[in-house]
Amino acid sequence: MADRNTSIVSASGRRRSVAQEPVTSVLKGGDVPYDPDREWNADEEVLAALGYKPEFKREFTLWTTFCVSFAVLGLLPSFASTLYYGMGYAGTAGMTWGWLIAMIGIQSVAASMAELCSSMPTSGGLYYASAVLAPPGWGPLAAWITGWSNWMGQVTGAPSVNYGTSAMILAAASIQNPEYIPTNYQTFLLTVFIMIIHACMASMPTRWIARVNGVGSTFNIIALVIVIILIPAGTNRVAQGLPKFSPSSEVWGTIYKGTSYPDGVSVLMSFIGVIWTMSGTSIMIAGL
């Protein structure tokens, strides 16, 4: 360890003090992890000023980093698995307003996290930033609460996604064979099987994970575009004597009475699907 006035030599040959970096070390006395036998690049200088020593390989490109967030977001499968709740609670208008209002709130949180993590570019940036920004003496507690809260979200999020995947796979099987009725234990076992597959994928080298995310997100984007085209093209409303598209007043103003609560509460309940779908953006920005 060394103090913040220690001069370091970057890969470009320039000499400067980590004290010149506009960040604060979380180590006691502002110490930094100094290695005199190592050349420092610009990113490592900032990390050293934060009191952080790089441990992981940086093998994600800008595209594959985006793919991580987009894969967790999983817009198409997430929307499909939660459509029942939004439409069931408040109908089309509830979904429309739910997406718009909840999206603004979630994107505000994501933008705030992006600002924090770009100024403190460490792994586990969410709880690291909590430690730095907390009042003096409260950093460890703030980091502990934030880290475990985020961990709980990650641990419960993956099984919920895989459960939705299992339910959709078995639903497709029942559509193919109307005599087949999925049981709870079949859904559970398929969920466990998918979890094991994902555990193996997460154990691969970083470079392989980046490639898998890139391929998966590319397929997800293409499938999303195809579905956006197929839904209006394949509607049979005209055959039912209805207009091809619903009137704007119905889309924006007709709240479906899916619950016994007032309309406003029903709309708030429809946010569940939106938040579950879009929360991956905030989580992954914080993690990356």
C-alpha atoms as a PDB file:
ATOM      1  CA  MET A   1       0.000   0.000   0.000  1.00  0.00           C
ATOM      2  CA  ALA A   2       1.022   3.610  -0.477  1.00  0.00           C
ATOM      3  CA  ASP A   3      -0.475   7.028   0.187  1.00  0.00           C
ATOM      4  CA  ARG A   4      -2.270   9.106  -2.415  1.00  0.00           C
ATOM      5  CA  ASN A   5       0.801  11.258  -3.073  1.00  0.00           C
ATOM      6  CA  THR A   6       2.634   8.284  -4.574  1.00  0.00           C
ATOM      7  CA  SER A   7       3.694   8.983  -8.142  1.00  0.00           C
ATOM      8  CA  ILE A   8       2.956   6.317 -10.703  1.00  0.00           C
ATOM      9  CA  VAL A   9       4.131   5.877 -14.269  1.00  0.00           C
ATOM     10  CA  SER A  10       1.424   5.159 -16.819  1.00  0.00           C
ATOM     11  CA  ALA A  11       1.802   3.093 -19.969  1.00  0.00           C
ATOM     12  CA  SER A  12       2.117   6.336 -21.907  1.00  0.00           C
ATOM     13  CA  GLY A  13       5.218   7.239 -19.861  1.00  0.00           C
ATOM     14  CA  ARG A  14       3.692  10.186 -18.003  1.00  0.00           C
ATOM     15  CA  ARG A  15       4.229  10.497 -14.244  1.00  0.00           C
ATOM     16  CA  ARG A  16       1.516  11.775 -11.974  1.00  0.00           C
ATOM     17  CA  SER A  17       0.095  11.307  -8.501  1.00  0.00           C
ATOM     18  CA  VAL A  18      -3.070   9.338  -7.870  1.00  0.00           C
ATOM     19  CA  ALA A  19      -4.095  12.294  -5.725  1.00  0.00           C
ATOM     20  CA  GLN A  20      -4.756  14.117  -8.999  1.00  0.00           C
ATOM     21  CA  GLU A  21      -7.540  11.667  -9.860  1.00  0.00           C
ATOM     22  CA  PRO A  22     -10.988  13.151  -9.038  1.00  0.00           C
ATOM     23  CA  VAL A  23     -11.999  10.165  -6.872  1.00  0.00           C
ATOM     24  CA  THR A  24     -11.537   9.051  -3.275  1.00  0.00           C
ATOM     25  CA  SER A  25     -10.011   5.834  -1.950  1.00  0.00           C
ATOM     26  CA  VAL A  26     -12.162   3.763   0.381  1.00  0.00           C
ATOM     27  CA  LEU A  27      -9.090   2.330   2.122  1.00  0.00           C
ATOM     28  CA  LYS A  28      -8.016   3.557   5.530  1.00  0.00           C
ATOM     29  CA  GLY A  29      -6.073   6.792   5.345  1.00  0.00           C
ATOM     30  CA  GLY A  30      -6.706   7.028   1.603  1.00  0.00           C
ATOM     31  CA  ASP A  31      -4.122   4.333   0.853  1.00  0.00           C
ATOM     32  CA  VAL A  32      -3.791   2.967  -2.657  1.00  0.00           C
ATOM     33  CA  PRO A  33      -2.641  -0.492  -3.878  1.00  0.00           C
ATOM     34  CA  TYR A  34       0.730   0.537  -5.325  1.00  0.00           C
ATOM     35  CA  ASP A  35       2.966  -1.784  -7.345  1.00  0.00           C
ATOM     36  CA  PRO A  36       6.248  -0.068  -8.366  1.00  0.00           C
ATOM     37  CA  ASP A  37       7.124  -2.830 -10.841  1.00  0.00           C
ATOM     38  CA  ARG A  38       4.023  -2.403 -12.933  1.00  0.00           C
ATOM     39  CA  GLU A  39       3.075   0.043 -15.672  1.00  0.00           C
ATOM     40  CA  TRP A  40      -0.276   1.737 -15.226  1.00  0.00           C
ATOM     41  CA  ASN A  41      -2.798   2.646 -17.881  1.00  0.00           C
ATOM     42  CA  ALA A  42      -5.400   5.380 -17.451  1.00  0.00           C
ATOM     43  CA  ASP A  43      -8.071   3.012 -16.112  1.00  0.00           C
ATOM     44  CA  GLU A  44      -5.703   1.456 -13.585  1.00  0.00           C
ATOM     45  CA  GLU A  45      -4.742   4.904 -12.303  1.00  0.00           C
ATOM     46  CA  VAL A  46      -8.360   5.679 -11.511  1.00  0.00           C
ATOM     47  CA  LEU A  47      -8.853   2.283  -9.875  1.00  0.00           C
ATOM     48  CA  ALA A  48      -5.745   2.755  -7.743  1.00  0.00           C
ATOM     49  CA  ALA A  49      -7.014   6.149  -6.624  1.00  0.00           C
ATOM     50  CA  LEU A  50     -10.216   4.406  -5.573  1.00  0.00           C
ATOM     51  CA  GLY A  51      -8.170   2.001  -3.460  1.00  0.00           C
ATOM     52  CA  TYR A  52      -9.024  -0.851  -5.804  1.00  0.00           C
ATOM     53  CA  LYS A  53      -6.700  -3.393  -7.422  1.00  0.00           C
ATOM     54  CA  PRO A  54      -7.857  -4.878 -10.774  1.00  0.00           C
ATOM     55  CA  GLU A  55      -8.503  -8.617 -10.438  1.00  0.00           C
ATOM     56  CA  PHE A  56     -10.666  -9.564 -13.432  1.00  0.00           C
ATOM     57  CA  LYS A  57      -9.787  -9.750 -17.110  1.00  0.00           C
ATOM     58  CA  ARG A  58     -11.363  -7.049 -19.237  1.00  0.00           C
ATOM     59  CA  GLU A  59     -12.439  -9.148 -22.213  1.00  0.00           C
ATOM     60  CA  PHE A  60     -15.816  -7.541 -22.895  1.00  0.00           C
ATOM     61  CA  THR A  61     -16.085  -5.094 -25.782  1.00  0.00           C
ATOM     62  CA  LEU A  62     -18.598  -2.248 -25.879  1.00  0.00           C
ATOM     63  CA  TRP A  63     -20.964  -4.473 -27.878  1.00  0.00           C
ATOM     64  CA  THR A  64     -20.707  -7.506 -25.595  1.00  0.00           C
ATOM     65  CA  THR A  65     -21.108  -5.273 -22.536  1.00  0.00           C
ATOM     66  CA  PHE A  66     -24.349  -3.988 -24.023  1.00  0.00           C
ATOM     67  CA  CYS A  67     -25.337  -7.581 -24.786  1.00  0.00           C
ATOM     68  CA  VAL A  68     -25.021  -8.507 -21.113  1.00  0.00           C
ATOM     69  CA  SER A  69     -27.593  -5.890 -20.140  1.00  0.00           C
ATOM     70  CA  PHE A  70     -29.830  -6.700 -23.091  1.00  0.00           C
ATOM     71  CA  ALA A  71     -29.660 -10.420 -22.327  1.00  0.00           C
ATOM     72  CA  VAL A  72     -30.734  -9.812 -18.737  1.00  0.00           C
ATOM     73  CA  LEU A  73     -33.414  -7.412 -19.938  1.00  0.00           C
ATOM     74  CA  GLY A  74     -34.666 -10.110 -22.334  1.00  0.00           C
ATOM     75  CA  LEU A  75     -37.317  -7.770 -23.674  1.00  0.00           C
ATOM     76  CA  LEU A  76     -39.279 -10.243 -25.784  1.00  0.00           C
ATOM     77  CA  PRO A  77     -39.405 -13.243 -23.385  1.00  0.00           C
ATOM     78  CA  SER A  78     -39.837 -10.978 -20.353  1.00  0.00           C
ATOM     79  CA  PHE A  79     -42.751  -9.169 -21.947  1.00  0.00           C
ATOM     80  CA  ALA A  80     -44.348 -12.446 -23.028  1.00  0.00           C
ATOM     81  CA  SER A  81     -44.095 -14.015 -19.579  1.00  0.00           C
ATOM     82  CA  THR A  82     -45.564 -10.981 -17.769  1.00  0.00           C
ATOM     83  CA  LEU A  83     -48.213  -9.935 -20.311  1.00  0.00           C
ATOM     84  CA  TYR A  84     -50.838 -11.837 -18.340  1.00  0.00           C
ATOM     85  CA  TYR A  85     -50.434  -9.594 -15.291  1.00  0.00           C
ATOM     86  CA  GLY A  86     -50.528  -6.235 -17.050  1.00  0.00           C
ATOM     87  CA  MET A  87     -53.476  -7.097 -19.252  1.00  0.00           C
ATOM     88  CA  GLY A  88     -55.274  -8.878 -16.429  1.00  0.00           C
ATOM     89  CA  TYR A  89     -55.010  -6.017 -13.955  1.00  0.00           C
ATOM     90  CA  ALA A  90     -55.741  -2.934 -16.069  1.00  0.00           C
ATOM     91  CA  GLY A  91     -55.981  -3.929 -19.730  1.00  0.00           C
ATOM     92  CA  THR A  92     -54.451  -2.151 -22.702  1.00  0.00           C
ATOM     93  CA  ALA A  93     -54.598   1.343 -21.215  1.00  0.00           C
ATOM     94  CA  GLY A  94     -52.990   0.129 -18.004  1.00  0.00           C
ATOM     95  CA  MET A  95     -50.178  -1.464 -19.982  1.00  0.00           C
ATOM     96  CA  THR A  96     -49.678   1.685 -22.072  1.00  0.00           C
ATOM     97  CA  TRP A  97     -49.475   4.056 -19.110  1.00  0.00           C
ATOM     98  CA  GLY A  98     -47.626   1.478 -17.045  1.00  0.00           C
ATOM     99  CA  TRP A  99     -44.832   1.165 -19.575  1.00  0.00           C
ATOM    100  CA  LEU A 100     -44.498   4.922 -20.054  1.00  0.00           C
ATOM    101  CA  ILE A 101     -44.533   5.922 -16.385  1.00  0.00           C
ATOM    102  CA  ALA A 102     -42.503   2.998 -15.028  1.00  0.00           C
ATOM    103  CA  MET A 103     -39.996   3.363 -17.859  1.00  0.00           C
ATOM    104  CA  ILE A 104     -39.269   6.963 -16.883  1.00  0.00           C
ATOM    105  CA  GLY A 105     -38.654   5.970 -13.262  1.00  0.00           C
ATOM    106  CA  ILE A 106     -36.474   2.989 -14.113  1.00  0.00           C
ATOM    107  CA  GLN A 107     -34.432   4.895 -16.684  1.00  0.00           C
ATOM    108  CA  SER A 108     -33.832   7.651 -14.125  1.00  0.00           C
ATOM    109  CA  VAL A 109     -32.436   5.068 -11.713  1.00  0.00           C
ATOM    110  CA  ALA A 110     -30.362   3.496 -14.491  1.00  0.00           C
ATOM    111  CA  ALA A 111     -28.940   6.882 -15.534  1.00  0.00           C
ATOM    112  CA  SER A 112     -27.994   7.652 -11.923  1.00  0.00           C
ATOM    113  CA  MET A 113     -26.260   4.282 -11.600  1.00  0.00           C
ATOM    114  CA  ALA A 114     -24.462   4.808 -14.896  1.00  0.00           C
ATOM    115  CA  GLU A 115     -23.142   8.164 -13.669  1.00  0.00           C
ATOM    116  CA  LEU A 116     -21.907   6.643 -10.417  1.00  0.00           C
ATOM    117  CA  CYS A 117     -20.337   3.583 -12.020  1.00  0.00           C
ATOM    118  CA  SER A 118     -18.624   5.579 -14.757  1.00  0.00           C
ATOM    119  CA  SER A 119     -16.944   7.739 -12.111  1.00  0.00           C
ATOM    120  CA  MET A 120     -16.052   4.683  -9.980  1.00  0.00           C
ATOM    121  CA  PRO A 121     -15.466   1.915 -12.563  1.00  0.00           C
ATOM    122  CA  THR A 122     -15.150  -1.103 -10.298  1.00  0.00           C
ATOM    123  CA  SER A 123     -16.818  -4.504 -10.359  1.00  0.00           C
ATOM    124  CA  GLY A 124     -19.743  -4.538  -7.968  1.00  0.00           C
ATOM    125  CA  GLY A 125     -20.009  -0.804  -8.562  1.00  0.00           C
ATOM    126  CA  LEU A 126     -23.347  -0.446  -6.794  1.00  0.00           C
ATOM    127  CA  TYR A 127     -22.198  -1.317  -3.294  1.00  0.00           C
ATOM    128  CA  TYR A 128     -18.779   0.206  -3.904  1.00  0.00           C
ATOM    129  CA  ALA A 129     -20.420   3.550  -4.677  1.00  0.00           C
ATOM    130  CA  SER A 130     -22.594   3.175  -1.588  1.00  0.00           C
ATOM    131  CA  ALA A 131     -19.469   2.878   0.566  1.00  0.00           C
ATOM    132  CA  VAL A 132     -17.897   5.968  -0.986  1.00  0.00           C
ATOM    133  CA  LEU A 133     -20.997   8.173  -0.863  1.00  0.00           C
ATOM    134  CA  ALA A 134     -22.203   7.168   2.601  1.00  0.00           C
ATOM    135  CA  PRO A 135     -21.579   9.548   5.545  1.00  0.00           C
ATOM    136  CA  PRO A 136     -18.287   9.002   7.419  1.00  0.00           C
ATOM    137  CA  GLY A 137     -18.365   5.763   9.391  1.00  0.00           C
ATOM    138  CA  TRP A 138     -21.423   4.405   7.585  1.00  0.00           C
ATOM    139  CA  GLY A 139     -19.686   3.153   4.441  1.00  0.00           C
ATOM    140  CA  PRO A 140     -19.325  -0.517   5.460  1.00  0.00           C
ATOM    141  CA  LEU A 141     -22.964  -0.751   6.591  1.00  0.00           C
ATOM    142  CA  ALA A 142     -24.236   0.953   3.418  1.00  0.00           C
ATOM    143  CA  ALA A 143     -22.148  -1.366   1.240  1.00  0.00           C
ATOM    144  CA  TRP A 144     -23.317  -4.430   3.226  1.00  0.00           C
ATOM    145  CA  ILE A 145     -27.000  -3.548   2.900  1.00  0.00           C
ATOM    146  CA  THR A 146     -26.715  -2.625  -0.778  1.00  0.00           C
ATOM    147  CA  GLY A 147     -24.619  -5.673  -1.669  1.00  0.00           C
ATOM    148  CA  TRP A 148     -26.907  -8.188   0.027  1.00  0.00           C
ATOM    149  CA  SER A 149     -30.030  -6.519  -1.367  1.00  0.00           C
ATOM    150  CA  ASN A 150     -28.588  -6.736  -4.859  1.00  0.00           C
ATOM    151  CA  TRP A 151     -27.541 -10.344  -4.223  1.00  0.00           C
ATOM    152  CA  MET A 152     -31.078 -11.264  -3.168  1.00  0.00           C
ATOM    153  CA  GLY A 153     -32.426  -9.701  -6.360  1.00  0.00           C
ATOM    154  CA  GLN A 154     -29.966 -11.651  -8.475  1.00  0.00           C
ATOM    155  CA  VAL A 155     -30.599 -14.957  -6.684  1.00  0.00           C
ATOM    156  CA  THR A 156     -34.374 -14.696  -6.975  1.00  0.00           C
ATOM    157  CA  GLY A 157     -34.323 -13.152 -10.450  1.00  0.00           C
ATOM    158  CA  ALA A 158     -32.622 -16.039 -12.260  1.00  0.00           C
ATOM    159  CA  PRO A 159     -35.019 -18.755 -10.999  1.00  0.00           C
ATOM    160  CA  SER A 160     -38.024 -16.561 -11.811  1.00  0.00           C
ATOM    161  CA  VAL A 161     -36.803 -16.100 -15.383  1.00  0.00           C
ATOM    162  CA  ASN A 162     -36.146 -19.815 -15.782  1.00  0.00           C
ATOM    163  CA  TYR A 163     -39.531 -20.639 -14.283  1.00  0.00           C
ATOM    164  CA  GLY A 164     -41.171 -18.412 -16.891  1.00  0.00           C
ATOM    165  CA  THR A 165     -39.105 -20.105 -19.600  1.00  0.00           C
ATOM    166  CA  SER A 166     -40.171 -23.533 -18.374  1.00  0.00           C
ATOM    167  CA  ALA A 167     -43.818 -22.506 -18.284  1.00  0.00           C
ATOM    168  CA  MET A 168     -43.674 -21.219 -21.860  1.00  0.00           C
ATOM    169  CA  ILE A 169     -41.895 -24.355 -23.125  1.00  0.00           C
ATOM    170  CA  LEU A 170     -44.497 -26.622 -21.546  1.00  0.00           C
ATOM    171  CA  ALA A 171     -47.298 -24.360 -22.763  1.00  0.00           C
ATOM    172  CA  ALA A 172     -45.952 -24.731 -26.305  1.00  0.00           C
ATOM    173  CA  ALA A 173     -45.952 -28.507 -25.810  1.00  0.00           C
ATOM    174  CA  SER A 174     -49.593 -28.416 -24.685  1.00  0.00           C
ATOM    175  CA  ILE A 175     -50.520 -26.322 -27.731  1.00  0.00           C
ATOM    176  CA  GLN A 176     -48.862 -28.909 -29.951  1.00  0.00           C
ATOM    177  CA  ASN A 177     -50.596 -31.745 -28.093  1.00  0.00           C
ATOM    178  CA  PRO A 178     -53.877 -30.547 -26.518  1.00  0.00           C
ATOM    179  CA  GLU A 179     -54.126 -33.757 -24.509  1.00  0.00           C
ATOM    180  CA  TYR A 180     -50.938 -32.928 -22.611  1.00  0.00           C
ATOM    181  CA  ILE A 181     -51.424 -30.964 -19.377  1.00  0.00           C
ATOM    182  CA  PRO A 182     -48.183 -29.796 -17.653  1.00  0.00           C
ATOM    183  CA  THR A 183     -47.906 -30.599 -13.977  1.00  0.00           C
ATOM    184  CA  ASN A 184     -46.186 -28.622 -11.226  1.00  0.00           C
ATOM    185  CA  TYR A 185     -43.364 -31.138 -10.793  1.00  0.00           C
ATOM    186  CA  GLN A 186     -42.617 -31.096 -14.539  1.00  0.00           C
ATOM    187  CA  THR A 187     -42.362 -27.317 -14.472  1.00  0.00           C
ATOM    188  CA  PHE A 188     -40.109 -27.501 -11.417  1.00  0.00           C
ATOM    189  CA  LEU A 189     -37.800 -30.131 -12.889  1.00  0.00           C
ATOM    190  CA  LEU A 190     -37.486 -28.249 -16.175  1.00  0.00           C
ATOM    191  CA  THR A 191     -36.676 -25.072 -14.241  1.00  0.00           C
ATOM    192  CA  VAL A 192     -33.926 -26.898 -12.315  1.00  0.00           C
ATOM    193  CA  PHE A 193     -32.533 -28.305 -15.570  1.00  0.00           C
ATOM    194  CA  ILE A 194     -32.364 -24.837 -17.136  1.00  0.00           C
ATOM    195  CA  MET A 195     -30.717 -23.483 -13.975  1.00  0.00           C
ATOM    196  CA  ILE A 196     -28.009 -26.161 -14.262  1.00  0.00           C
ATOM    197  CA  ILE A 197     -27.403 -25.210 -17.896  1.00  0.00           C
ATOM    198  CA  HIS A 198     -27.080 -21.548 -16.951  1.00  0.00           C
ATOM    199  CA  ALA A 199     -24.732 -22.417 -14.078  1.00  0.00           C
ATOM    200  CA  CYS A 200     -22.450 -24.214 -16.541  1.00  0.00           C
ATOM    201  CA  MET A 201     -22.592 -21.255 -18.929  1.00  0.00           C
ATOM    202  CA  ALA A 202     -21.729 -18.828 -16.134  1.00  0.00           C
ATOM    203  CA  SER A 203     -18.692 -20.962 -15.246  1.00  0.00           C
ATOM    204  CA  MET A 204     -17.122 -20.563 -18.685  1.00  0.00           C
ATOM    205  CA  PRO A 205     -14.154 -18.253 -19.352  1.00  0.00           C
ATOM    206  CA  THR A 206     -14.972 -14.579 -19.674  1.00  0.00           C
ATOM    207  CA  ARG A 207     -14.265 -14.496 -23.409  1.00  0.00           C
ATOM    208  CA  TRP A 208     -16.713 -17.354 -24.021  1.00  0.00           C
ATOM    209  CA  ILE A 209     -19.409 -15.680 -21.924  1.00  0.00           C
ATOM    210  CA  ALA A 210     -18.991 -12.520 -23.990  1.00  0.00           C
ATOM    211  CA  ARG A 211     -19.463 -14.494 -27.215  1.00  0.00           C
ATOM    212  CA  VAL A 212     -22.519 -16.331 -25.901  1.00  0.00           C
ATOM    213  CA  ASN A 213     -24.078 -13.042 -24.829  1.00  0.00           C
ATOM    214  CA  GLY A 214     -23.337 -11.516 -28.228  1.00  0.00           C
ATOM    215  CA  VAL A 215     -24.976 -14.387 -30.125  1.00  0.00           C
ATOM    216  CA  GLY A 216     -27.948 -14.565 -27.772  1.00  0.00           C
ATOM    217  CA  SER A 217     -28.637 -10.837 -27.828  1.00  0.00           C
ATOM    218  CA  THR A 218     -28.352 -10.717 -31.617  1.00  0.00           C
ATOM    219  CA  PHE A 219     -30.955 -13.480 -31.886  1.00  0.00           C
ATOM    220  CA  ASN A 220     -33.138 -11.703 -29.318  1.00  0.00           C
ATOM    221  CA  ILE A 221     -33.051  -8.436 -31.277  1.00  0.00           C
ATOM    222  CA  ILE A 222     -33.904 -10.184 -34.560  1.00  0.00           C
ATOM    223  CA  ALA A 223     -36.740 -12.149 -32.925  1.00  0.00           C
ATOM    224  CA  LEU A 224     -38.094  -8.941 -31.375  1.00  0.00           C
ATOM    225  CA  VAL A 225     -38.246  -7.218 -34.772  1.00  0.00           C
ATOM    226  CA  ILE A 226     -39.940 -10.271 -36.317  1.00  0.00           C
ATOM    227  CA  VAL A 227     -42.586 -10.403 -33.583  1.00  0.00           C
ATOM    228  CA  ILE A 228     -43.287  -6.662 -33.861  1.00  0.00           C
ATOM    229  CA  ILE A 229     -44.045  -7.251 -37.564  1.00  0.00           C
ATOM    230  CA  LEU A 230     -45.971 -10.498 -37.078  1.00  0.00           C
ATOM    231  CA  ILE A 231     -48.389  -9.303 -34.387  1.00  0.00           C
ATOM    232  CA  PRO A 232     -50.160  -6.624 -36.476  1.00  0.00           C
ATOM    233  CA  ALA A 233     -49.774  -8.650 -39.681  1.00  0.00           C
ATOM    234  CA  GLY A 234     -51.298 -11.804 -38.204  1.00  0.00           C
ATOM    235  CA  THR A 235     -54.274 -10.292 -36.375  1.00  0.00           C
ATOM    236  CA  ASN A 236     -57.691 -11.789 -37.177  1.00  0.00           C
ATOM    237  CA  ARG A 237     -59.778  -8.912 -35.839  1.00  0.00           C
ATOM    238  CA  VAL A 238     -61.178  -8.172 -39.300  1.00  0.00           C
ATOM    239  CA  ALA A 239     -62.431 -11.755 -39.619  1.00  0.00           C
ATOM    240  CA  GLN A 240     -64.269 -11.234 -36.323  1.00  0.00           C
ATOM    241  CA  GLY A 241     -66.019  -8.125 -37.627  1.00  0.00           C
ATOM    242  CA  LEU A 242     -63.775  -5.764 -35.656  1.00  0.00           C
ATOM    243  CA  PRO A 243     -61.536  -2.949 -36.907  1.00  0.00           C
ATOM    244  CA  LYS A 244     -57.976  -4.058 -37.610  1.00  0.00           C
ATOM    245  CA  PHE A 245     -56.648  -1.788 -34.851  1.00  0.00           C
ATOM    246  CA  SER A 246     -58.266  -0.660 -31.609  1.00  0.00           C
ATOM    247  CA  PRO A 247     -59.280   3.021 -31.418  1.00  0.00           C
ATOM    248  CA  SER A 248     -56.910   5.387 -29.604  1.00  0.00           C
ATOM    249  CA  SER A 249     -59.478   6.086 -26.891  1.00  0.00           C
ATOM    250  CA  GLU A 250     -59.469   2.414 -25.936  1.00  0.00           C
ATOM    251  CA  VAL A 251     -55.691   2.097 -25.992  1.00  0.00           C
ATOM    252  CA  TRP A 252     -55.110   5.190 -23.855  1.00  0.00           C
ATOM    253  CA  GLY A 253     -58.220   5.592 -21.742  1.00  0.00           C
ATOM    254  CA  THR A 254     -60.188   2.385 -21.166  1.00  0.00           C
ATOM    255  CA  ILE A 255     -59.046   0.730 -17.935  1.00  0.00           C
ATOM    256  CA  TYR A 256     -59.986  -2.934 -17.743  1.00  0.00           C
ATOM    257  CA  LYS A 257     -61.669  -3.848 -14.447  1.00  0.00           C
ATOM    258  CA  GLY A 258     -59.458  -6.818 -13.664  1.00  0.00           C
ATOM    259  CA  THR A 259     -59.404  -6.189  -9.915  1.00  0.00           C
ATOM    260  CA  SER A 260     -61.756  -4.842  -7.265  1.00  0.00           C
ATOM    261  CA  TYR A 261     -59.429  -1.906  -6.632  1.00  0.00           C
ATOM    262  CA  PRO A 262     -59.805   1.614  -8.095  1.00  0.00           C
ATOM    263  CA  ASP A 263     -58.457   2.206 -11.594  1.00  0.00           C
ATOM    264  CA  GLY A 264     -55.354   3.986 -10.330  1.00  0.00           C
ATOM    265  CA  VAL A 265     -54.381   1.054  -8.126  1.00  0.00           C
ATOM    266  CA  SER A 266     -54.988  -1.372 -11.009  1.00  0.00           C
ATOM    267  CA  VAL A 267     -52.622   0.645 -13.193  1.00  0.00           C
ATOM    268  CA  LEU A 268     -49.991   0.593 -10.432  1.00  0.00           C
ATOM    269  CA  MET A 269     -50.393  -3.184 -10.180  1.00  0.00           C
ATOM    270  CA  SER A 270     -49.763  -3.462 -13.912  1.00  0.00           C
ATOM    271  CA  PHE A 271     -46.314  -1.940 -13.268  1.00  0.00           C
ATOM    272  CA  ILE A 272     -45.202  -5.326 -11.913  1.00  0.00           C
ATOM    273  CA  GLY A 273     -44.588  -6.737 -15.369  1.00  0.00           C
ATOM    274  CA  VAL A 274     -42.838  -3.572 -16.547  1.00  0.00           C
ATOM    275  CA  ILE A 275     -40.529  -3.400 -13.542  1.00  0.00           C
ATOM    276  CA  TRP A 276     -39.706  -7.113 -13.747  1.00  0.00           C
ATOM    277  CA  THR A 277     -38.882  -6.732 -17.428  1.00  0.00           C
ATOM    278  CA  MET A 278     -36.814  -3.545 -17.255  1.00  0.00           C
ATOM    279  CA  SER A 279     -35.089  -4.004 -13.910  1.00  0.00           C
ATOM    280  CA  GLY A 280     -32.351  -5.967 -15.656  1.00  0.00           C
ATOM    281  CA  THR A 281     -31.067  -2.715 -17.140  1.00  0.00           C
ATOM    282  CA  SER A 282     -30.473  -1.109 -13.763  1.00  0.00           C
ATOM    283  CA  ILE A 283     -29.062  -4.263 -12.200  1.00  0.00           C
ATOM    284  CA  MET A 284     -26.550  -4.875 -14.958  1.00  0.00           C
ATOM    285  CA  ILE A 285     -25.451  -1.250 -15.172  1.00  0.00           C
ATOM    286  CA  ALA A 286     -24.727  -1.434 -11.473  1.00  0.00           C
ATOM    287  CA  GLY A 287     -22.889  -4.723 -11.804  1.00  0.00           C
ATOM    288  CA  LEU A 288     -20.825  -3.712 -14.815  1.00  0.00           C
END
